[in-house]
């Protein structure tokens, strides 16, 4: 729509889209409004809608992902439990890989708050490579996260693994995480798409960028476009680190989509000594959000201790963030 187009003009376009038998997705921004149209439609509709009052241009999106494509949209930003995701400042979510007990998660929450981060991460339901590994505390873990939020004011992000658990996770969490192993769990993507909680979507172990964006489209197609795209390293031939961080994904995703982009350095490298430089590289590349794993005693962590920062290392990393120039898109 044209800058300054009236609400009535925008509504007239929406009504005509519906009359033509298509699904409109109005996106009302501070400076720009867009009416996204989903469905197969003949080319002559382009000329049809260009004649409407208030329409600046009609752009056909060739990619299979329509709602998450950049097109003419402004970069997305949204509130998540009081934390701003997207926008001029970088959002940091930090916490343990898994919630283990009250003392551990509260200690993590206090240092996260003190260091200036705004979100607490912690796994209550854990997808593990071995069925005999610790699988998480479940709802009890979510309750401990909620108590940490009550005491510190931090927003909570935790992973949901099963469509049947979306409702209970949304009850306790401000943001729902979809892990790499579930990136193409389409039933789960549909379910979180119907939820009113922002979604933190991790790239699959061997997923292409197109597959990643189509997974986000599954969520957006159900009405929820508050999505963060997280690059967490992909599986390659290299064995020096746990995964290979595709830092190229940050500028590529920024070019293709309006969604905020995050980096998870902890899972990318699997080595706590490498986490700070990779974190700062992510900031320099223009990431909107960081997800970091910390633990009061990493050597005693029940999962992912090797990649978890202890509290002094985390505080040092956070103190250094302001010294890194962040690329602006």
C-alpha atoms as a PDB file:
ATOM      1  CA  UNK A   1       0.000   0.000   0.000  1.00  0.00           C
ATOM      2  CA  UNK A   2       1.069   3.609  -0.521  1.00  0.00           C
ATOM      3  CA  UNK A   3       2.549   5.465   2.418  1.00  0.00           C
ATOM      4  CA  UNK A   4      -0.425   7.220   3.964  1.00  0.00           C
ATOM      5  CA  UNK A   5      -3.018   4.878   2.471  1.00  0.00           C
ATOM      6  CA  UNK A   6      -6.152   5.051   4.583  1.00  0.00           C
ATOM      7  CA  UNK A   7      -7.457   2.085   6.611  1.00  0.00           C
ATOM      8  CA  UNK A   8     -10.534   2.123   4.372  1.00  0.00           C
ATOM      9  CA  UNK A   9      -8.390   1.761   1.234  1.00  0.00           C
ATOM     10  CA  UNK A  10      -6.478  -1.157   2.795  1.00  0.00           C
ATOM     11  CA  UNK A  11      -9.734  -2.786   3.870  1.00  0.00           C
ATOM     12  CA  UNK A  12     -11.140  -2.440   0.360  1.00  0.00           C
ATOM     13  CA  UNK A  13      -8.160  -4.375  -1.010  1.00  0.00           C
ATOM     14  CA  UNK A  14      -8.571  -7.071   1.666  1.00  0.00           C
ATOM     15  CA  UNK A  15     -12.270  -7.420   0.837  1.00  0.00           C
ATOM     16  CA  UNK A  16     -11.518  -7.753  -2.885  1.00  0.00           C
ATOM     17  CA  UNK A  17      -8.882 -10.426  -2.229  1.00  0.00           C
ATOM     18  CA  UNK A  18     -11.494 -12.422  -0.313  1.00  0.00           C
ATOM     19  CA  UNK A  19     -14.107 -11.840  -3.041  1.00  0.00           C
ATOM     20  CA  UNK A  20     -11.678 -13.290  -5.583  1.00  0.00           C
ATOM     21  CA  UNK A  21     -11.426 -16.446  -3.475  1.00  0.00           C
ATOM     22  CA  UNK A  22      -7.940 -15.991  -1.979  1.00  0.00           C
ATOM     23  CA  UNK A  23      -6.598 -15.660   1.554  1.00  0.00           C
ATOM     24  CA  UNK A  24      -5.400 -12.183   2.565  1.00  0.00           C
ATOM     25  CA  UNK A  25      -2.732 -11.712   5.248  1.00  0.00           C
ATOM     26  CA  UNK A  26      -2.693  -7.987   6.113  1.00  0.00           C
ATOM     27  CA  UNK A  27       0.594  -6.777   7.607  1.00  0.00           C
ATOM     28  CA  UNK A  28       0.233  -3.333   9.113  1.00  0.00           C
ATOM     29  CA  UNK A  29       3.614  -1.714   9.833  1.00  0.00           C
ATOM     30  CA  UNK A  30       4.589   1.630  11.290  1.00  0.00           C
ATOM     31  CA  UNK A  31       5.625   3.001   7.891  1.00  0.00           C
ATOM     32  CA  UNK A  32       4.367   0.436   5.403  1.00  0.00           C
ATOM     33  CA  UNK A  33       1.304  -1.789   5.077  1.00  0.00           C
ATOM     34  CA  UNK A  34       1.263  -4.907   2.914  1.00  0.00           C
ATOM     35  CA  UNK A  35      -1.565  -7.249   1.991  1.00  0.00           C
ATOM     36  CA  UNK A  36      -0.040 -10.660   1.324  1.00  0.00           C
ATOM     37  CA  UNK A  37      -2.181 -12.904  -0.894  1.00  0.00           C
ATOM     38  CA  UNK A  38      -1.757 -16.675  -0.649  1.00  0.00           C
ATOM     39  CA  UNK A  39      -3.003 -19.051  -3.327  1.00  0.00           C
ATOM     40  CA  UNK A  40      -2.536 -19.773  -7.012  1.00  0.00           C
ATOM     41  CA  UNK A  41      -3.905 -16.847  -8.971  1.00  0.00           C
ATOM     42  CA  UNK A  42      -3.788 -15.753 -12.620  1.00  0.00           C
ATOM     43  CA  UNK A  43      -1.367 -13.056 -13.671  1.00  0.00           C
ATOM     44  CA  UNK A  44      -4.084 -10.609 -14.669  1.00  0.00           C
ATOM     45  CA  UNK A  45      -4.910 -10.039 -11.013  1.00  0.00           C
ATOM     46  CA  UNK A  46      -1.726  -7.981 -10.810  1.00  0.00           C
ATOM     47  CA  UNK A  47      -3.194  -5.349 -13.104  1.00  0.00           C
ATOM     48  CA  UNK A  48      -6.561  -5.664 -11.362  1.00  0.00           C
ATOM     49  CA  UNK A  49      -5.192  -4.700  -7.962  1.00  0.00           C
ATOM     50  CA  UNK A  50      -2.818  -2.040  -9.258  1.00  0.00           C
ATOM     51  CA  UNK A  51      -5.909  -0.014 -10.185  1.00  0.00           C
ATOM     52  CA  UNK A  52      -7.161   0.164  -6.574  1.00  0.00           C
ATOM     53  CA  UNK A  53      -6.878   3.435  -4.653  1.00  0.00           C
ATOM     54  CA  UNK A  54      -4.003   3.376  -2.190  1.00  0.00           C
ATOM     55  CA  UNK A  55      -2.094   0.537  -3.866  1.00  0.00           C
ATOM     56  CA  UNK A  56       1.522   1.462  -4.564  1.00  0.00           C
ATOM     57  CA  UNK A  57       2.568  -1.726  -6.342  1.00  0.00           C
ATOM     58  CA  UNK A  58       1.742  -5.403  -6.756  1.00  0.00           C
ATOM     59  CA  UNK A  59       4.701  -7.741  -6.436  1.00  0.00           C
ATOM     60  CA  UNK A  60       4.564 -11.430  -7.308  1.00  0.00           C
ATOM     61  CA  UNK A  61       6.664 -13.594  -4.988  1.00  0.00           C
ATOM     62  CA  UNK A  62       8.312 -16.446  -6.848  1.00  0.00           C
ATOM     63  CA  UNK A  63       9.605 -18.278  -3.779  1.00  0.00           C
ATOM     64  CA  UNK A  64       7.436 -21.045  -2.309  1.00  0.00           C
ATOM     65  CA  UNK A  65       7.604 -19.250   1.050  1.00  0.00           C
ATOM     66  CA  UNK A  66       5.283 -16.258   0.676  1.00  0.00           C
ATOM     67  CA  UNK A  67       4.628 -14.958   4.186  1.00  0.00           C
ATOM     68  CA  UNK A  68       8.205 -15.023   5.450  1.00  0.00           C
ATOM     69  CA  UNK A  69       9.707 -13.616   2.232  1.00  0.00           C
ATOM     70  CA  UNK A  70      11.197 -10.163   2.519  1.00  0.00           C
ATOM     71  CA  UNK A  71       9.258  -8.633  -0.411  1.00  0.00           C
ATOM     72  CA  UNK A  72       8.465  -5.035   0.592  1.00  0.00           C
ATOM     73  CA  UNK A  73       8.132  -5.731   4.311  1.00  0.00           C
ATOM     74  CA  UNK A  74       9.992  -3.917   7.030  1.00  0.00           C
ATOM     75  CA  UNK A  75      12.254  -6.085   9.233  1.00  0.00           C
ATOM     76  CA  UNK A  76      10.069  -7.713  11.883  1.00  0.00           C
ATOM     77  CA  UNK A  77      10.376  -6.959  15.567  1.00  0.00           C
ATOM     78  CA  UNK A  78       8.090  -8.007  18.384  1.00  0.00           C
ATOM     79  CA  UNK A  79       7.701  -8.132  22.139  1.00  0.00           C
ATOM     80  CA  UNK A  80       8.397 -11.413  23.881  1.00  0.00           C
ATOM     81  CA  UNK A  81       7.523 -11.329  27.566  1.00  0.00           C
ATOM     82  CA  UNK A  82       8.939  -7.810  27.868  1.00  0.00           C
ATOM     83  CA  UNK A  83      12.036  -8.523  25.762  1.00  0.00           C
ATOM     84  CA  UNK A  84      12.255  -6.883  22.331  1.00  0.00           C
ATOM     85  CA  UNK A  85      13.282  -9.280  19.562  1.00  0.00           C
ATOM     86  CA  UNK A  86      14.499  -7.640  16.357  1.00  0.00           C
ATOM     87  CA  UNK A  87      15.171  -3.946  16.103  1.00  0.00           C
ATOM     88  CA  UNK A  88      18.234  -1.853  16.954  1.00  0.00           C
ATOM     89  CA  UNK A  89      19.614  -3.862  19.882  1.00  0.00           C
ATOM     90  CA  UNK A  90      20.701  -7.481  20.014  1.00  0.00           C
ATOM     91  CA  UNK A  91      18.641  -9.843  22.178  1.00  0.00           C
ATOM     92  CA  UNK A  92      20.495 -12.382  24.319  1.00  0.00           C
ATOM     93  CA  UNK A  93      18.921 -15.561  25.682  1.00  0.00           C
ATOM     94  CA  UNK A  94      21.149 -17.569  28.022  1.00  0.00           C
ATOM     95  CA  UNK A  95      20.782 -20.424  30.460  1.00  0.00           C
ATOM     96  CA  UNK A  96      21.520 -24.108  30.911  1.00  0.00           C
ATOM     97  CA  UNK A  97      20.983 -26.761  28.274  1.00  0.00           C
ATOM     98  CA  UNK A  98      18.669 -28.539  30.720  1.00  0.00           C
ATOM     99  CA  UNK A  99      16.865 -27.449  33.867  1.00  0.00           C
ATOM    100  CA  UNK A 100      18.291 -29.727  36.579  1.00  0.00           C
ATOM    101  CA  UNK A 101      16.991 -28.321  39.879  1.00  0.00           C
ATOM    102  CA  UNK A 102      15.781 -25.099  41.463  1.00  0.00           C
ATOM    103  CA  UNK A 103      19.171 -23.990  42.753  1.00  0.00           C
ATOM    104  CA  UNK A 104      20.797 -24.369  39.336  1.00  0.00           C
ATOM    105  CA  UNK A 105      18.170 -22.519  37.294  1.00  0.00           C
ATOM    106  CA  UNK A 106      17.810 -19.677  39.796  1.00  0.00           C
ATOM    107  CA  UNK A 107      21.589 -19.192  39.917  1.00  0.00           C
ATOM    108  CA  UNK A 108      21.645 -19.023  36.115  1.00  0.00           C
ATOM    109  CA  UNK A 109      18.741 -16.577  36.044  1.00  0.00           C
ATOM    110  CA  UNK A 110      20.475 -14.220  38.463  1.00  0.00           C
ATOM    111  CA  UNK A 111      23.683 -14.045  36.418  1.00  0.00           C
ATOM    112  CA  UNK A 112      21.734 -13.707  33.148  1.00  0.00           C
ATOM    113  CA  UNK A 113      19.821 -10.761  34.610  1.00  0.00           C
ATOM    114  CA  UNK A 114      22.940  -9.176  36.101  1.00  0.00           C
ATOM    115  CA  UNK A 115      24.839  -9.433  32.814  1.00  0.00           C
ATOM    116  CA  UNK A 116      22.205  -7.519  30.844  1.00  0.00           C
ATOM    117  CA  UNK A 117      20.583 -10.356  28.896  1.00  0.00           C
ATOM    118  CA  UNK A 118      16.788 -10.279  28.712  1.00  0.00           C
ATOM    119  CA  UNK A 119      15.798 -13.928  28.193  1.00  0.00           C
ATOM    120  CA  UNK A 120      16.406 -17.147  30.122  1.00  0.00           C
ATOM    121  CA  UNK A 121      16.705 -20.391  28.165  1.00  0.00           C
ATOM    122  CA  UNK A 122      16.402 -23.837  29.697  1.00  0.00           C
ATOM    123  CA  UNK A 123      15.352 -27.240  28.428  1.00  0.00           C
ATOM    124  CA  UNK A 124      12.485 -28.979  30.212  1.00  0.00           C
ATOM    125  CA  UNK A 125      11.828 -31.533  27.453  1.00  0.00           C
ATOM    126  CA  UNK A 126      15.117 -32.737  25.977  1.00  0.00           C
ATOM    127  CA  UNK A 127      15.549 -34.497  22.610  1.00  0.00           C
ATOM    128  CA  UNK A 128      18.667 -36.621  23.074  1.00  0.00           C
ATOM    129  CA  UNK A 129      20.587 -38.773  20.639  1.00  0.00           C
ATOM    130  CA  UNK A 130      20.398 -41.712  23.038  1.00  0.00           C
ATOM    131  CA  UNK A 131      17.086 -42.834  24.587  1.00  0.00           C
ATOM    132  CA  UNK A 132      19.008 -43.573  27.801  1.00  0.00           C
ATOM    133  CA  UNK A 133      20.269 -40.009  28.278  1.00  0.00           C
ATOM    134  CA  UNK A 134      18.555 -37.492  30.579  1.00  0.00           C
ATOM    135  CA  UNK A 135      15.295 -36.479  28.890  1.00  0.00           C
ATOM    136  CA  UNK A 136      14.502 -33.423  31.010  1.00  0.00           C
ATOM    137  CA  UNK A 137      12.264 -32.630  33.985  1.00  0.00           C
ATOM    138  CA  UNK A 138       9.151 -31.994  31.912  1.00  0.00           C
ATOM    139  CA  UNK A 139       6.442 -29.832  33.455  1.00  0.00           C
ATOM    140  CA  UNK A 140       8.369 -29.557  36.725  1.00  0.00           C
ATOM    141  CA  UNK A 141      11.196 -27.947  34.756  1.00  0.00           C
ATOM    142  CA  UNK A 142       8.753 -25.485  33.174  1.00  0.00           C
ATOM    143  CA  UNK A 143       7.488 -24.564  36.638  1.00  0.00           C
ATOM    144  CA  UNK A 144      11.042 -23.842  37.794  1.00  0.00           C
ATOM    145  CA  UNK A 145      11.570 -21.620  34.755  1.00  0.00           C
ATOM    146  CA  UNK A 146       8.363 -19.751  35.577  1.00  0.00           C
ATOM    147  CA  UNK A 147       9.591 -19.217  39.137  1.00  0.00           C
ATOM    148  CA  UNK A 148      12.870 -17.833  37.791  1.00  0.00           C
ATOM    149  CA  UNK A 149      10.866 -15.410  35.618  1.00  0.00           C
ATOM    150  CA  UNK A 150       8.823 -14.329  38.649  1.00  0.00           C
ATOM    151  CA  UNK A 151      11.985 -13.509  40.583  1.00  0.00           C
ATOM    152  CA  UNK A 152      13.980 -11.812  37.820  1.00  0.00           C
ATOM    153  CA  UNK A 153      11.521 -10.571  35.187  1.00  0.00           C
ATOM    154  CA  UNK A 154      13.396 -12.437  32.438  1.00  0.00           C
ATOM    155  CA  UNK A 155      11.394 -13.788  29.508  1.00  0.00           C
ATOM    156  CA  UNK A 156      11.470 -17.587  29.191  1.00  0.00           C
ATOM    157  CA  UNK A 157      12.281 -19.694  26.116  1.00  0.00           C
ATOM    158  CA  UNK A 158      12.139 -23.485  26.188  1.00  0.00           C
ATOM    159  CA  UNK A 159      11.866 -26.276  23.656  1.00  0.00           C
ATOM    160  CA  UNK A 160       8.643 -28.050  22.731  1.00  0.00           C
ATOM    161  CA  UNK A 161       9.026 -31.453  21.071  1.00  0.00           C
ATOM    162  CA  UNK A 162       5.492 -32.779  20.682  1.00  0.00           C
ATOM    163  CA  UNK A 163       2.298 -31.172  19.344  1.00  0.00           C
ATOM    164  CA  UNK A 164       0.533 -32.506  22.446  1.00  0.00           C
ATOM    165  CA  UNK A 165       2.819 -30.409  24.679  1.00  0.00           C
ATOM    166  CA  UNK A 166       2.393 -27.054  22.912  1.00  0.00           C
ATOM    167  CA  UNK A 167      -0.427 -25.906  25.176  1.00  0.00           C
ATOM    168  CA  UNK A 168       1.373 -26.654  28.441  1.00  0.00           C
ATOM    169  CA  UNK A 169       4.655 -25.159  27.191  1.00  0.00           C
ATOM    170  CA  UNK A 170       2.835 -21.999  26.092  1.00  0.00           C
ATOM    171  CA  UNK A 171       1.313 -21.763  29.570  1.00  0.00           C
ATOM    172  CA  UNK A 172       4.759 -21.346  31.138  1.00  0.00           C
ATOM    173  CA  UNK A 173       6.967 -19.954  28.338  1.00  0.00           C
ATOM    174  CA  UNK A 174       7.146 -16.613  26.551  1.00  0.00           C
ATOM    175  CA  UNK A 175       8.797 -18.176  23.474  1.00  0.00           C
ATOM    176  CA  UNK A 176       8.628 -21.723  22.138  1.00  0.00           C
ATOM    177  CA  UNK A 177      11.750 -23.296  20.676  1.00  0.00           C
ATOM    178  CA  UNK A 178      11.655 -25.808  17.827  1.00  0.00           C
ATOM    179  CA  UNK A 179      14.903 -27.774  17.879  1.00  0.00           C
ATOM    180  CA  UNK A 180      16.997 -28.749  14.883  1.00  0.00           C
ATOM    181  CA  UNK A 181      15.723 -32.331  14.942  1.00  0.00           C
ATOM    182  CA  UNK A 182      12.125 -31.077  14.717  1.00  0.00           C
ATOM    183  CA  UNK A 183      12.590 -28.416  12.037  1.00  0.00           C
ATOM    184  CA  UNK A 184      10.522 -30.505   9.618  1.00  0.00           C
ATOM    185  CA  UNK A 185       8.095 -31.954  12.151  1.00  0.00           C
ATOM    186  CA  UNK A 186       5.219 -30.425  10.225  1.00  0.00           C
ATOM    187  CA  UNK A 187       2.509 -31.395  12.715  1.00  0.00           C
ATOM    188  CA  UNK A 188       4.465 -29.562  15.420  1.00  0.00           C
ATOM    189  CA  UNK A 189       5.052 -26.541  13.156  1.00  0.00           C
ATOM    190  CA  UNK A 190       1.335 -26.293  12.423  1.00  0.00           C
ATOM    191  CA  UNK A 191       0.529 -26.458  16.137  1.00  0.00           C
ATOM    192  CA  UNK A 192       2.914 -23.687  17.221  1.00  0.00           C
ATOM    193  CA  UNK A 193       1.638 -21.670  14.255  1.00  0.00           C
ATOM    194  CA  UNK A 194      -1.798 -21.673  15.891  1.00  0.00           C
ATOM    195  CA  UNK A 195      -0.303 -20.510  19.209  1.00  0.00           C
ATOM    196  CA  UNK A 196       0.101 -16.886  20.274  1.00  0.00           C
ATOM    197  CA  UNK A 197       3.698 -17.386  21.481  1.00  0.00           C
ATOM    198  CA  UNK A 198       6.720 -16.315  19.408  1.00  0.00           C
ATOM    199  CA  UNK A 199       8.650 -19.253  17.946  1.00  0.00           C
ATOM    200  CA  UNK A 200      12.412 -19.794  17.950  1.00  0.00           C
ATOM    201  CA  UNK A 201      13.026 -22.088  14.959  1.00  0.00           C
ATOM    202  CA  UNK A 202      16.397 -23.809  14.659  1.00  0.00           C
ATOM    203  CA  UNK A 203      17.835 -24.883  11.321  1.00  0.00           C
ATOM    204  CA  UNK A 204      17.997 -28.643  10.803  1.00  0.00           C
ATOM    205  CA  UNK A 205      21.286 -30.525  10.895  1.00  0.00           C
ATOM    206  CA  UNK A 206      21.481 -30.778   7.094  1.00  0.00           C
ATOM    207  CA  UNK A 207      18.744 -28.389   5.959  1.00  0.00           C
ATOM    208  CA  UNK A 208      19.153 -25.980   3.067  1.00  0.00           C
ATOM    209  CA  UNK A 209      18.149 -22.342   3.465  1.00  0.00           C
ATOM    210  CA  UNK A 210      15.069 -22.972   1.290  1.00  0.00           C
ATOM    211  CA  UNK A 211      14.016 -25.900   3.485  1.00  0.00           C
ATOM    212  CA  UNK A 212      14.581 -23.743   6.563  1.00  0.00           C
ATOM    213  CA  UNK A 213      12.402 -20.922   5.224  1.00  0.00           C
ATOM    214  CA  UNK A 214       9.681 -23.313   4.113  1.00  0.00           C
ATOM    215  CA  UNK A 215       9.594 -24.698   7.659  1.00  0.00           C
ATOM    216  CA  UNK A 216       9.050 -21.134   8.898  1.00  0.00           C
ATOM    217  CA  UNK A 217       6.302 -20.768   6.293  1.00  0.00           C
ATOM    218  CA  UNK A 218       4.457 -23.706   7.855  1.00  0.00           C
ATOM    219  CA  UNK A 219       4.295 -21.730  11.101  1.00  0.00           C
ATOM    220  CA  UNK A 220       3.350 -18.430   9.441  1.00  0.00           C
ATOM    221  CA  UNK A 221       0.637 -20.110   7.353  1.00  0.00           C
ATOM    222  CA  UNK A 222      -1.302 -20.754  10.555  1.00  0.00           C
ATOM    223  CA  UNK A 223      -1.303 -17.082  11.550  1.00  0.00           C
ATOM    224  CA  UNK A 224       1.835 -16.780  13.709  1.00  0.00           C
ATOM    225  CA  UNK A 225       4.585 -14.738  12.051  1.00  0.00           C
ATOM    226  CA  UNK A 226       6.502 -13.969  15.253  1.00  0.00           C
ATOM    227  CA  UNK A 227       9.344 -16.267  14.259  1.00  0.00           C
ATOM    228  CA  UNK A 228      13.091 -16.129  14.923  1.00  0.00           C
ATOM    229  CA  UNK A 229      15.313 -18.079  12.517  1.00  0.00           C
ATOM    230  CA  UNK A 230      18.289 -19.637  14.317  1.00  0.00           C
ATOM    231  CA  UNK A 231      21.450 -20.865  12.636  1.00  0.00           C
ATOM    232  CA  UNK A 232      23.050 -23.403  15.000  1.00  0.00           C
ATOM    233  CA  UNK A 233      25.590 -25.095  12.780  1.00  0.00           C
ATOM    234  CA  UNK A 234      25.113 -27.773  10.149  1.00  0.00           C
ATOM    235  CA  UNK A 235      26.605 -31.219   9.744  1.00  0.00           C
ATOM    236  CA  UNK A 236      29.568 -31.369   7.344  1.00  0.00           C
ATOM    237  CA  UNK A 237      32.668 -33.513   6.873  1.00  0.00           C
ATOM    238  CA  UNK A 238      34.559 -31.394   9.445  1.00  0.00           C
ATOM    239  CA  UNK A 239      35.122 -32.946  12.883  1.00  0.00           C
ATOM    240  CA  UNK A 240      37.198 -30.247  14.590  1.00  0.00           C
ATOM    241  CA  UNK A 241      34.025 -28.739  16.019  1.00  0.00           C
ATOM    242  CA  UNK A 242      30.658 -30.209  16.926  1.00  0.00           C
ATOM    243  CA  UNK A 243      29.008 -28.646  13.857  1.00  0.00           C
ATOM    244  CA  UNK A 244      30.026 -26.181  11.162  1.00  0.00           C
ATOM    245  CA  UNK A 245      28.600 -22.726  11.768  1.00  0.00           C
ATOM    246  CA  UNK A 246      27.193 -21.313   8.526  1.00  0.00           C
ATOM    247  CA  UNK A 247      27.830 -17.652   9.283  1.00  0.00           C
ATOM    248  CA  UNK A 248      26.808 -16.939   5.666  1.00  0.00           C
ATOM    249  CA  UNK A 249      23.263 -17.735   6.753  1.00  0.00           C
ATOM    250  CA  UNK A 250      22.952 -14.389   8.548  1.00  0.00           C
ATOM    251  CA  UNK A 251      23.292 -12.087   5.499  1.00  0.00           C
ATOM    252  CA  UNK A 252      21.538 -14.591   3.237  1.00  0.00           C
ATOM    253  CA  UNK A 253      18.502 -14.819   5.521  1.00  0.00           C
ATOM    254  CA  UNK A 254      18.510 -11.052   5.988  1.00  0.00           C
ATOM    255  CA  UNK A 255      18.265 -10.698   2.207  1.00  0.00           C
ATOM    256  CA  UNK A 256      15.502 -13.284   1.781  1.00  0.00           C
ATOM    257  CA  UNK A 257      13.243 -12.723   4.786  1.00  0.00           C
ATOM    258  CA  UNK A 258      11.907 -10.049   7.112  1.00  0.00           C
ATOM    259  CA  UNK A 259      12.247 -12.311  10.174  1.00  0.00           C
ATOM    260  CA  UNK A 260      14.848 -11.780  12.935  1.00  0.00           C
ATOM    261  CA  UNK A 261      17.934 -13.992  12.649  1.00  0.00           C
ATOM    262  CA  UNK A 262      19.684 -15.651  15.597  1.00  0.00           C
ATOM    263  CA  UNK A 263      22.921 -17.569  16.108  1.00  0.00           C
ATOM    264  CA  UNK A 264      23.465 -20.368  18.636  1.00  0.00           C
ATOM    265  CA  UNK A 265      27.274 -20.427  19.039  1.00  0.00           C
ATOM    266  CA  UNK A 266      27.187 -23.093  21.775  1.00  0.00           C
ATOM    267  CA  UNK A 267      25.728 -25.836  19.571  1.00  0.00           C
ATOM    268  CA  UNK A 268      27.661 -24.615  16.550  1.00  0.00           C
ATOM    269  CA  UNK A 269      31.092 -25.292  18.051  1.00  0.00           C
ATOM    270  CA  UNK A 270      30.517 -27.576  21.058  1.00  0.00           C
ATOM    271  CA  UNK A 271      33.586 -26.135  22.803  1.00  0.00           C
ATOM    272  CA  UNK A 272      33.228 -23.402  25.419  1.00  0.00           C
ATOM    273  CA  UNK A 273      36.605 -21.852  24.541  1.00  0.00           C
ATOM    274  CA  UNK A 274      35.384 -21.167  21.002  1.00  0.00           C
ATOM    275  CA  UNK A 275      32.006 -19.702  22.000  1.00  0.00           C
ATOM    276  CA  UNK A 276      33.108 -16.062  22.661  1.00  0.00           C
ATOM    277  CA  UNK A 277      34.830 -15.416  19.295  1.00  0.00           C
ATOM    278  CA  UNK A 278      31.987 -17.081  17.380  1.00  0.00           C
ATOM    279  CA  UNK A 279      29.467 -15.012  19.372  1.00  0.00           C
ATOM    280  CA  UNK A 280      31.245 -11.794  18.472  1.00  0.00           C
ATOM    281  CA  UNK A 281      31.461 -12.913  14.821  1.00  0.00           C
ATOM    282  CA  UNK A 282      27.686 -13.419  14.824  1.00  0.00           C
ATOM    283  CA  UNK A 283      27.185  -9.891  16.130  1.00  0.00           C
ATOM    284  CA  UNK A 284      29.523  -8.476  13.483  1.00  0.00           C
ATOM    285  CA  UNK A 285      27.550 -10.339  10.806  1.00  0.00           C
ATOM    286  CA  UNK A 286      24.361  -8.590  11.967  1.00  0.00           C
ATOM    287  CA  UNK A 287      22.528 -11.264  13.973  1.00  0.00           C
ATOM    288  CA  UNK A 288      19.478  -9.984  15.849  1.00  0.00           C
ATOM    289  CA  UNK A 289      19.609 -12.529  18.665  1.00  0.00           C
ATOM    290  CA  UNK A 290      22.036 -14.863  20.434  1.00  0.00           C
ATOM    291  CA  UNK A 291      21.319 -18.062  22.343  1.00  0.00           C
ATOM    292  CA  UNK A 292      24.046 -19.155  24.765  1.00  0.00           C
ATOM    293  CA  UNK A 293      24.426 -22.060  27.164  1.00  0.00           C
ATOM    294  CA  UNK A 294      25.749 -21.391  30.656  1.00  0.00           C
ATOM    295  CA  UNK A 295      26.001 -23.485  33.831  1.00  0.00           C
ATOM    296  CA  UNK A 296      27.199 -22.843  37.405  1.00  0.00           C
ATOM    297  CA  UNK A 297      29.489 -25.880  37.127  1.00  0.00           C
ATOM    298  CA  UNK A 298      29.813 -27.070  33.505  1.00  0.00           C
ATOM    299  CA  UNK A 299      31.820 -30.167  34.466  1.00  0.00           C
ATOM    300  CA  UNK A 300      28.794 -31.384  36.450  1.00  0.00           C
ATOM    301  CA  UNK A 301      26.142 -30.528  33.837  1.00  0.00           C
ATOM    302  CA  UNK A 302      23.836 -33.404  32.911  1.00  0.00           C
ATOM    303  CA  UNK A 303      23.992 -32.379  29.242  1.00  0.00           C
ATOM    304  CA  UNK A 304      26.228 -30.286  26.978  1.00  0.00           C
ATOM    305  CA  UNK A 305      28.691 -29.329  29.698  1.00  0.00           C
ATOM    306  CA  UNK A 306      31.578 -29.112  27.213  1.00  0.00           C
ATOM    307  CA  UNK A 307      29.972 -26.176  25.401  1.00  0.00           C
ATOM    308  CA  UNK A 308      28.517 -24.385  28.436  1.00  0.00           C
ATOM    309  CA  UNK A 309      30.172 -21.241  29.762  1.00  0.00           C
ATOM    310  CA  UNK A 310      30.714 -20.836  33.485  1.00  0.00           C
ATOM    311  CA  UNK A 311      29.454 -17.603  35.009  1.00  0.00           C
ATOM    312  CA  UNK A 312      32.715 -15.553  34.851  1.00  0.00           C
ATOM    313  CA  UNK A 313      33.220 -16.493  31.184  1.00  0.00           C
ATOM    314  CA  UNK A 314      29.626 -15.544  30.364  1.00  0.00           C
ATOM    315  CA  UNK A 315      29.936 -12.189  32.123  1.00  0.00           C
ATOM    316  CA  UNK A 316      33.166 -11.485  30.230  1.00  0.00           C
ATOM    317  CA  UNK A 317      31.477 -12.361  26.932  1.00  0.00           C
ATOM    318  CA  UNK A 318      28.540 -10.068  27.670  1.00  0.00           C
ATOM    319  CA  UNK A 319      30.859  -7.208  28.640  1.00  0.00           C
ATOM    320  CA  UNK A 320      32.568  -7.522  25.263  1.00  0.00           C
ATOM    321  CA  UNK A 321      29.414  -7.391  23.133  1.00  0.00           C
ATOM    322  CA  UNK A 322      29.270  -3.595  23.094  1.00  0.00           C
ATOM    323  CA  UNK A 323      32.779  -3.444  21.624  1.00  0.00           C
ATOM    324  CA  UNK A 324      31.756  -5.381  18.487  1.00  0.00           C
ATOM    325  CA  UNK A 325      30.359  -3.274  15.615  1.00  0.00           C
ATOM    326  CA  UNK A 326      27.123  -4.856  14.434  1.00  0.00           C
ATOM    327  CA  UNK A 327      26.480  -4.875  10.713  1.00  0.00           C
ATOM    328  CA  UNK A 328      23.321  -2.919   9.892  1.00  0.00           C
ATOM    329  CA  UNK A 329      21.095  -4.110   7.042  1.00  0.00           C
END
